[in-house]
Amino acid sequence: MLNRVILIGRLTRDPELRYTPSGTAVTQFTLACDRPFTNQQGQREADFINIVTWRQLAETCANYLRKGRLTAVEGRIQVRNYDNNEGKKVYVTEVVADNVRFLESMGGNRNDGDGYNQNQSSSGYNRSDSNRGGSSNDDPFSDDGRPIDISDDDLPF
């Protein structure tokens, strides 16, 4: 059996980071995914999909994702239920993400390299570049073509 979903859309709000009583990080956010057709008025409609991330991936999403940012999510669909205050059973359908890719940099420029995968490294998380998503002041290559001052002691050869 297979339960796998891949979505690309924009965040409708900033992610909410919370911690379970045992200290595990969990983040929730909603992704707006356009439908591939228009309605009778010629407007595009969207589906609003609830996304949940756990542990380090949750903290990374809370730190780097913001409302409006184009994001790809890969994970599985989960349906859970609970009884609300009125005693009625409420069903919740959501995507539990194990891989989130940031498709735009913080400034809104397209950047395919920002990715966080909950299943790849020894710690269970993979971050392809620790400087991506930060401010432009953190980027050592932000000078665009100007010489970089490096001493011979810093070179590995």
N, C-alpha and C. Protein backbone atom coordinates (compact mmCIF):
# COMPACT_ATOMS: atom_id res chain seq x y z
N MET A 1 0.85 -1.18 0.00
CA MET A 1 0.00 0.00 0.00
C MET A 1 0.89 1.24 0.00
N LEU A 2 0.35 2.31 -0.51
CA LEU A 2 1.13 3.53 -0.67
C LEU A 2 0.33 4.73 -0.20
N ASN A 3 0.93 5.57 0.60
CA ASN A 3 0.33 6.81 1.06
C ASN A 3 1.41 7.88 0.94
N ARG A 4 1.48 8.53 -0.22
CA ARG A 4 2.51 9.53 -0.48
C ARG A 4 1.88 10.70 -1.20
N VAL A 5 2.25 11.91 -0.80
CA VAL A 5 1.69 13.10 -1.42
C VAL A 5 2.81 14.13 -1.61
N ILE A 6 2.76 14.84 -2.73
CA ILE A 6 3.69 15.94 -3.01
C ILE A 6 2.83 17.15 -3.37
N LEU A 7 3.06 18.25 -2.67
CA LEU A 7 2.29 19.48 -2.89
C LEU A 7 3.23 20.65 -3.10
N ILE A 8 2.83 21.58 -3.94
CA ILE A 8 3.53 22.86 -4.09
C ILE A 8 2.49 23.95 -3.96
N GLY A 9 2.77 24.89 -3.07
CA GLY A 9 1.84 25.99 -2.87
C GLY A 9 2.47 27.08 -2.02
N ARG A 10 1.64 28.02 -1.63
CA ARG A 10 2.10 29.14 -0.80
C ARG A 10 1.49 29.06 0.58
N LEU A 11 2.28 29.42 1.58
CA LEU A 11 1.79 29.42 2.96
C LEU A 11 0.74 30.51 3.13
N THR A 12 -0.34 30.17 3.82
CA THR A 12 -1.41 31.14 4.08
C THR A 12 -1.16 31.94 5.35
N ARG A 13 -0.25 31.45 6.18
CA ARG A 13 0.11 32.15 7.43
C ARG A 13 1.46 31.63 7.88
N ASP A 14 2.07 32.33 8.81
CA ASP A 14 3.34 31.86 9.38
C ASP A 14 3.11 30.55 10.13
N PRO A 15 4.08 29.64 10.11
CA PRO A 15 3.94 28.38 10.85
C PRO A 15 3.82 28.61 12.35
N GLU A 16 3.05 27.74 13.00
CA GLU A 16 2.91 27.77 14.46
C GLU A 16 3.79 26.68 15.05
N LEU A 17 4.79 27.06 15.85
CA LEU A 17 5.67 26.10 16.50
C LEU A 17 5.19 25.87 17.92
N ARG A 18 5.03 24.60 18.27
CA ARG A 18 4.65 24.21 19.63
C ARG A 18 5.51 23.04 20.05
N TYR A 19 5.45 22.71 21.32
CA TYR A 19 6.19 21.57 21.84
C TYR A 19 5.25 20.66 22.61
N THR A 20 5.42 19.36 22.43
CA THR A 20 4.61 18.40 23.17
C THR A 20 5.09 18.40 24.62
N PRO A 21 4.34 17.81 25.54
CA PRO A 21 4.80 17.74 26.94
C PRO A 21 6.16 17.06 27.09
N SER A 22 6.50 16.17 26.17
CA SER A 22 7.81 15.51 26.25
C SER A 22 8.91 16.32 25.58
N GLY A 23 8.58 17.49 25.04
CA GLY A 23 9.59 18.38 24.46
C GLY A 23 9.81 18.23 22.97
N THR A 24 8.98 17.48 22.27
CA THR A 24 9.11 17.30 20.82
C THR A 24 8.48 18.48 20.10
N ALA A 25 9.24 19.06 19.16
CA ALA A 25 8.75 20.20 18.39
C ALA A 25 7.75 19.74 17.34
N VAL A 26 6.68 20.50 17.17
CA VAL A 26 5.69 20.25 16.13
C VAL A 26 5.25 21.59 15.55
N THR A 27 5.21 21.67 14.23
CA THR A 27 4.81 22.89 13.54
C THR A 27 3.61 22.59 12.66
N GLN A 28 2.66 23.52 12.64
CA GLN A 28 1.50 23.41 11.76
C GLN A 28 1.41 24.66 10.89
N PHE A 29 1.08 24.45 9.62
CA PHE A 29 0.82 25.56 8.72
C PHE A 29 -0.10 25.08 7.62
N THR A 30 -0.63 26.02 6.84
CA THR A 30 -1.55 25.70 5.76
C THR A 30 -0.93 26.11 4.44
N LEU A 31 -1.03 25.21 3.45
CA LEU A 31 -0.50 25.45 2.12
C LEU A 31 -1.67 25.65 1.16
N ALA A 32 -1.66 26.76 0.42
CA ALA A 32 -2.69 27.02 -0.60
C ALA A 32 -2.16 26.51 -1.93
N CYS A 33 -2.85 25.52 -2.50
CA CYS A 33 -2.45 24.89 -3.76
C CYS A 33 -3.50 25.20 -4.81
N ASP A 34 -3.09 25.86 -5.89
CA ASP A 34 -4.02 26.21 -6.97
C ASP A 34 -4.57 24.97 -7.64
N ARG A 35 -5.83 25.03 -8.01
CA ARG A 35 -6.44 23.98 -8.83
C ARG A 35 -6.06 24.23 -10.28
N PRO A 36 -6.01 23.18 -11.10
CA PRO A 36 -5.53 23.34 -12.48
C PRO A 36 -6.57 23.90 -13.45
N PHE A 37 -7.66 24.42 -12.96
CA PHE A 37 -8.71 24.96 -13.83
C PHE A 37 -9.28 26.22 -13.20
N THR A 38 -10.10 26.95 -13.95
CA THR A 38 -10.73 28.16 -13.44
C THR A 38 -12.22 27.91 -13.26
N ASN A 39 -12.85 28.73 -12.43
CA ASN A 39 -14.30 28.60 -12.21
C ASN A 39 -15.05 29.34 -13.32
N GLN A 40 -16.37 29.44 -13.19
CA GLN A 40 -17.18 30.07 -14.24
C GLN A 40 -16.87 31.55 -14.42
N GLN A 41 -16.34 32.19 -13.38
CA GLN A 41 -15.97 33.60 -13.48
C GLN A 41 -14.55 33.78 -14.02
N GLY A 42 -13.86 32.68 -14.37
CA GLY A 42 -12.51 32.75 -14.90
C GLY A 42 -11.44 32.89 -13.84
N GLN A 43 -11.81 32.69 -12.59
CA GLN A 43 -10.84 32.81 -11.50
C GLN A 43 -10.33 31.44 -11.08
N ARG A 44 -9.08 31.40 -10.64
CA ARG A 44 -8.50 30.17 -10.12
C ARG A 44 -8.94 29.96 -8.69
N GLU A 45 -9.26 28.74 -8.37
CA GLU A 45 -9.59 28.38 -7.00
C GLU A 45 -8.40 27.63 -6.40
N ALA A 46 -8.39 27.52 -5.11
CA ALA A 46 -7.28 26.85 -4.42
C ALA A 46 -7.83 25.92 -3.35
N ASP A 47 -7.04 24.92 -3.03
CA ASP A 47 -7.31 24.05 -1.90
C ASP A 47 -6.36 24.44 -0.79
N PHE A 48 -6.83 24.42 0.44
CA PHE A 48 -6.04 24.81 1.59
C PHE A 48 -5.76 23.55 2.41
N ILE A 49 -4.51 23.11 2.35
CA ILE A 49 -4.11 21.83 2.92
C ILE A 49 -3.34 22.07 4.22
N ASN A 50 -3.78 21.41 5.30
CA ASN A 50 -3.08 21.51 6.58
C ASN A 50 -1.84 20.62 6.56
N ILE A 51 -0.71 21.19 6.99
CA ILE A 51 0.58 20.49 7.00
C ILE A 51 1.09 20.44 8.44
N VAL A 52 1.67 19.30 8.81
CA VAL A 52 2.28 19.12 10.13
C VAL A 52 3.71 18.63 9.94
N THR A 53 4.66 19.23 10.64
CA THR A 53 6.04 18.75 10.65
C THR A 53 6.46 18.50 12.09
N TRP A 54 7.43 17.61 12.27
CA TRP A 54 7.86 17.21 13.60
C TRP A 54 9.37 17.40 13.78
N ARG A 55 9.80 17.51 15.00
CA ARG A 55 11.19 17.53 15.45
C ARG A 55 12.00 18.65 14.79
N GLN A 56 13.22 18.34 14.30
CA GLN A 56 14.09 19.37 13.74
C GLN A 56 13.47 20.03 12.51
N LEU A 57 12.77 19.24 11.71
CA LEU A 57 12.10 19.80 10.54
C LEU A 57 11.07 20.85 10.96
N ALA A 58 10.39 20.62 12.07
CA ALA A 58 9.41 21.59 12.58
C ALA A 58 10.10 22.89 12.97
N GLU A 59 11.22 22.79 13.65
CA GLU A 59 11.94 24.01 14.07
C GLU A 59 12.49 24.76 12.86
N THR A 60 12.98 24.02 11.86
CA THR A 60 13.50 24.66 10.65
C THR A 60 12.39 25.39 9.91
N CYS A 61 11.23 24.76 9.77
CA CYS A 61 10.10 25.41 9.10
C CYS A 61 9.66 26.66 9.86
N ALA A 62 9.63 26.58 11.18
CA ALA A 62 9.23 27.75 11.98
C ALA A 62 10.23 28.89 11.81
N ASN A 63 11.49 28.57 11.64
CA ASN A 63 12.53 29.61 11.52
C ASN A 63 12.58 30.25 10.14
N TYR A 64 12.28 29.48 9.08
CA TYR A 64 12.53 29.97 7.73
C TYR A 64 11.29 30.19 6.87
N LEU A 65 10.18 29.56 7.18
CA LEU A 65 8.99 29.74 6.36
C LEU A 65 8.18 30.93 6.86
N ARG A 66 7.59 31.65 5.93
CA ARG A 66 6.73 32.78 6.25
C ARG A 66 5.52 32.79 5.32
N LYS A 67 4.51 33.50 5.72
CA LYS A 67 3.29 33.63 4.92
C LYS A 67 3.64 34.07 3.50
N GLY A 68 3.03 33.41 2.50
CA GLY A 68 3.22 33.77 1.11
C GLY A 68 4.37 33.08 0.41
N ARG A 69 5.23 32.40 1.14
CA ARG A 69 6.41 31.79 0.55
C ARG A 69 6.05 30.50 -0.21
N LEU A 70 6.56 30.36 -1.43
CA LEU A 70 6.34 29.18 -2.25
C LEU A 70 7.14 28.02 -1.69
N THR A 71 6.45 26.90 -1.44
CA THR A 71 7.05 25.78 -0.73
C THR A 71 6.55 24.46 -1.32
N ALA A 72 7.45 23.47 -1.38
CA ALA A 72 7.07 22.11 -1.76
C ALA A 72 7.10 21.24 -0.52
N VAL A 73 6.09 20.39 -0.38
CA VAL A 73 5.97 19.52 0.78
C VAL A 73 5.78 18.09 0.28
N GLU A 74 6.50 17.17 0.90
CA GLU A 74 6.35 15.75 0.59
C GLU A 74 6.08 15.02 1.89
N GLY A 75 5.09 14.14 1.88
CA GLY A 75 4.76 13.42 3.10
C GLY A 75 3.64 12.43 2.88
N ARG A 76 2.87 12.20 3.94
CA ARG A 76 1.76 11.25 3.87
C ARG A 76 0.49 11.90 4.41
N ILE A 77 -0.65 11.45 3.92
CA ILE A 77 -1.94 11.94 4.41
C ILE A 77 -2.30 11.18 5.67
N GLN A 78 -2.77 11.92 6.65
CA GLN A 78 -3.18 11.30 7.92
C GLN A 78 -4.57 11.83 8.28
N VAL A 79 -5.44 10.95 8.70
CA VAL A 79 -6.76 11.34 9.17
C VAL A 79 -6.84 10.96 10.64
N ARG A 80 -7.16 11.93 11.47
CA ARG A 80 -7.32 11.66 12.90
C ARG A 80 -8.66 12.22 13.35
N ASN A 81 -9.10 11.80 14.53
CA ASN A 81 -10.37 12.32 15.04
C ASN A 81 -10.29 12.53 16.53
N TYR A 82 -11.17 13.39 17.00
CA TYR A 82 -11.28 13.67 18.44
C TYR A 82 -12.70 14.14 18.72
N ASP A 83 -13.08 14.12 19.99
CA ASP A 83 -14.39 14.63 20.40
C ASP A 83 -14.23 16.07 20.83
N ASN A 84 -15.03 16.98 20.25
CA ASN A 84 -14.94 18.40 20.60
C ASN A 84 -15.69 18.67 21.91
N ASN A 85 -15.76 19.93 22.29
CA ASN A 85 -16.39 20.32 23.56
C ASN A 85 -17.88 19.98 23.61
N GLU A 86 -18.51 19.89 22.43
CA GLU A 86 -19.93 19.56 22.37
C GLU A 86 -20.19 18.06 22.30
N GLY A 87 -19.11 17.27 22.37
CA GLY A 87 -19.24 15.83 22.32
C GLY A 87 -19.35 15.25 20.92
N LYS A 88 -19.18 16.07 19.91
CA LYS A 88 -19.25 15.59 18.53
C LYS A 88 -17.86 15.15 18.07
N LYS A 89 -17.82 14.09 17.28
CA LYS A 89 -16.57 13.60 16.73
C LYS A 89 -16.15 14.49 15.56
N VAL A 90 -14.91 14.99 15.62
CA VAL A 90 -14.36 15.86 14.58
C VAL A 90 -13.24 15.10 13.88
N TYR A 91 -13.29 15.07 12.53
CA TYR A 91 -12.25 14.43 11.74
C TYR A 91 -11.35 15.49 11.14
N VAL A 92 -10.05 15.25 11.21
CA VAL A 92 -9.06 16.18 10.68
C VAL A 92 -8.20 15.43 9.68
N THR A 93 -8.11 15.96 8.45
CA THR A 93 -7.23 15.40 7.43
C THR A 93 -6.07 16.36 7.25
N GLU A 94 -4.85 15.84 7.30
CA GLU A 94 -3.66 16.68 7.20
C GLU A 94 -2.54 15.88 6.53
N VAL A 95 -1.51 16.60 6.10
CA VAL A 95 -0.32 15.97 5.54
C VAL A 95 0.77 16.05 6.59
N VAL A 96 1.31 14.90 6.95
CA VAL A 96 2.47 14.85 7.84
C VAL A 96 3.70 14.86 6.94
N ALA A 97 4.42 15.97 6.94
CA ALA A 97 5.53 16.16 6.00
C ALA A 97 6.82 15.59 6.57
N ASP A 98 7.58 14.93 5.70
CA ASP A 98 8.92 14.50 6.08
C ASP A 98 9.99 15.15 5.19
N ASN A 99 9.56 15.96 4.22
CA ASN A 99 10.49 16.66 3.36
C ASN A 99 9.84 17.98 2.96
N VAL A 100 10.53 19.09 3.22
CA VAL A 100 10.02 20.41 2.87
C VAL A 100 11.11 21.12 2.08
N ARG A 101 10.75 21.66 0.93
CA ARG A 101 11.69 22.41 0.10
C ARG A 101 11.22 23.85 0.00
N PHE A 102 12.14 24.77 0.25
CA PHE A 102 11.84 26.19 0.15
C PHE A 102 12.15 26.61 -1.28
N LEU A 103 11.13 26.93 -2.05
CA LEU A 103 11.30 27.20 -3.47
C LEU A 103 11.62 28.65 -3.77
N GLU A 104 11.59 29.50 -2.78
CA GLU A 104 11.99 30.90 -2.93
C GLU A 104 12.89 31.27 -1.77
N SER A 105 13.84 32.15 -2.03
CA SER A 105 14.66 32.64 -0.94
C SER A 105 13.84 33.62 -0.11
N MET A 106 14.39 34.06 0.99
CA MET A 106 13.66 34.98 1.87
C MET A 106 13.24 36.25 1.15
N GLY A 107 14.04 36.70 0.18
CA GLY A 107 13.72 37.91 -0.55
C GLY A 107 12.72 37.69 -1.67
N GLY A 108 12.32 36.44 -1.90
CA GLY A 108 11.34 36.16 -2.94
C GLY A 108 11.95 35.65 -4.23
N ASN A 109 13.29 35.56 -4.33
CA ASN A 109 13.92 35.03 -5.53
C ASN A 109 13.85 33.52 -5.52
N ARG A 110 13.73 32.92 -6.67
CA ARG A 110 13.64 31.47 -6.78
C ARG A 110 14.97 30.85 -6.37
N ASN A 111 14.90 29.78 -5.60
CA ASN A 111 16.10 29.09 -5.15
C ASN A 111 15.75 27.63 -4.93
N ASP A 112 16.18 26.76 -5.83
CA ASP A 112 15.82 25.34 -5.75
C ASP A 112 16.63 24.58 -4.72
N GLY A 113 17.66 25.15 -4.15
CA GLY A 113 18.56 24.39 -3.31
C GLY A 113 18.15 24.26 -1.85
N ASP A 114 17.22 25.04 -1.39
CA ASP A 114 16.87 24.98 0.02
C ASP A 114 15.96 23.79 0.26
N GLY A 115 16.45 22.78 0.96
CA GLY A 115 15.62 21.62 1.22
C GLY A 115 15.92 21.03 2.57
N TYR A 116 14.93 20.50 3.20
CA TYR A 116 15.07 19.89 4.50
C TYR A 116 14.33 18.58 4.45
N ASN A 117 15.05 17.49 4.75
CA ASN A 117 14.49 16.16 4.63
C ASN A 117 14.65 15.46 5.95
N GLN A 118 13.57 14.92 6.47
CA GLN A 118 13.59 14.32 7.78
C GLN A 118 14.15 12.91 7.77
N ASN A 119 14.51 12.34 6.62
CA ASN A 119 14.89 10.93 6.57
C ASN A 119 16.30 10.66 6.09
N GLN A 120 17.20 11.64 5.94
CA GLN A 120 18.43 11.33 5.24
C GLN A 120 19.69 11.24 6.06
N SER A 121 19.98 12.10 6.98
CA SER A 121 21.27 12.05 7.65
C SER A 121 21.20 11.22 8.92
N SER A 122 22.35 11.05 9.57
CA SER A 122 22.39 10.20 10.77
C SER A 122 21.52 10.75 11.88
N SER A 123 21.34 12.06 11.94
CA SER A 123 20.47 12.61 12.96
C SER A 123 19.01 12.59 12.53
N GLY A 124 18.76 12.15 11.29
CA GLY A 124 17.39 12.06 10.81
C GLY A 124 16.95 13.28 10.02
N TYR A 125 17.85 14.23 9.79
CA TYR A 125 17.47 15.44 9.09
C TYR A 125 18.58 15.82 8.14
N ASN A 126 18.23 16.43 7.04
CA ASN A 126 19.23 16.85 6.07
C ASN A 126 18.99 18.30 5.73
N ARG A 127 19.98 19.11 5.91
CA ARG A 127 19.89 20.50 5.53
C ARG A 127 20.96 20.73 4.49
N SER A 128 20.56 21.09 3.29
CA SER A 128 21.50 21.15 2.19
C SER A 128 22.47 22.32 2.30
N ASP A 129 22.11 23.39 2.98
CA ASP A 129 23.02 24.52 3.09
C ASP A 129 22.63 25.32 4.33
N SER A 130 23.54 25.40 5.28
CA SER A 130 23.20 26.05 6.55
C SER A 130 23.07 27.55 6.44
N ASN A 131 23.57 28.16 5.35
CA ASN A 131 23.47 29.62 5.24
C ASN A 131 22.26 30.07 4.46
N ARG A 132 21.59 29.19 3.76
CA ARG A 132 20.45 29.62 2.95
C ARG A 132 19.29 30.00 3.83
N GLY A 133 18.53 30.95 3.37
CA GLY A 133 17.37 31.40 4.11
C GLY A 133 17.70 32.46 5.14
N GLY A 134 18.98 32.69 5.42
CA GLY A 134 19.34 33.71 6.39
C GLY A 134 19.36 35.07 5.73
N SER A 135 19.77 36.06 6.48
CA SER A 135 19.82 37.40 5.90
C SER A 135 20.99 37.50 4.93
N SER A 136 20.94 38.48 4.04
CA SER A 136 22.00 38.62 3.05
C SER A 136 23.33 38.97 3.71
N ASN A 137 23.33 39.49 4.93
CA ASN A 137 24.56 39.79 5.64
C ASN A 137 25.30 38.53 6.03
N ASP A 138 24.63 37.38 6.11
CA ASP A 138 25.26 36.13 6.47
C ASP A 138 25.89 35.45 5.26
N ASP A 139 25.62 35.93 4.05
CA ASP A 139 26.10 35.29 2.84
C ASP A 139 27.52 35.76 2.53
N PRO A 140 28.52 34.84 2.56
CA PRO A 140 29.90 35.28 2.29
C PRO A 140 30.11 35.67 0.84
N PHE A 141 29.18 35.33 -0.06
CA PHE A 141 29.33 35.64 -1.47
C PHE A 141 28.42 36.78 -1.91
N SER A 142 27.92 37.56 -0.98
CA SER A 142 26.98 38.63 -1.31
C SER A 142 27.63 39.80 -2.03
N ASP A 143 28.98 39.88 -2.07
CA ASP A 143 29.66 40.99 -2.73
C ASP A 143 29.62 40.88 -4.25
N ASP A 144 29.23 39.72 -4.79
CA ASP A 144 29.06 39.51 -6.23
C ASP A 144 30.24 39.97 -7.07
N GLY A 145 31.30 39.23 -7.05
CA GLY A 145 32.41 39.49 -7.95
C GLY A 145 33.58 40.22 -7.35
N ARG A 146 33.43 40.84 -6.22
CA ARG A 146 34.57 41.52 -5.59
C ARG A 146 35.51 40.48 -5.00
N PRO A 147 36.81 40.74 -4.98
CA PRO A 147 37.76 39.78 -4.42
C PRO A 147 37.47 39.50 -2.95
N ILE A 148 37.69 38.25 -2.56
CA ILE A 148 37.51 37.83 -1.18
C ILE A 148 38.88 37.76 -0.53
N ASP A 149 39.03 38.36 0.64
CA ASP A 149 40.30 38.40 1.35
C ASP A 149 40.46 37.09 2.13
N ILE A 150 41.34 36.20 1.63
CA ILE A 150 41.60 34.93 2.29
C ILE A 150 43.11 34.81 2.47
N SER A 151 43.54 34.48 3.68
CA SER A 151 44.96 34.30 3.93
C SER A 151 45.38 32.89 3.50
N ASP A 152 46.67 32.69 3.24
CA ASP A 152 47.18 31.39 2.84
C ASP A 152 46.97 30.35 3.93
N ASP A 153 46.87 30.77 5.20
CA ASP A 153 46.68 29.85 6.30
C ASP A 153 45.27 29.23 6.27
N ASP A 154 44.31 29.89 5.62
CA ASP A 154 42.96 29.38 5.55
C ASP A 154 42.75 28.34 4.45
N LEU A 155 43.71 28.25 3.52
CA LEU A 155 43.55 27.32 2.40
C LEU A 155 43.98 25.91 2.82
N PRO A 156 43.26 24.88 2.36
CA PRO A 156 43.58 23.50 2.76
C PRO A 156 44.72 22.88 1.97
N PHE A 157 45.31 23.59 1.04
CA PHE A 157 46.39 23.02 0.22
C PHE A 157 47.55 23.96 0.13
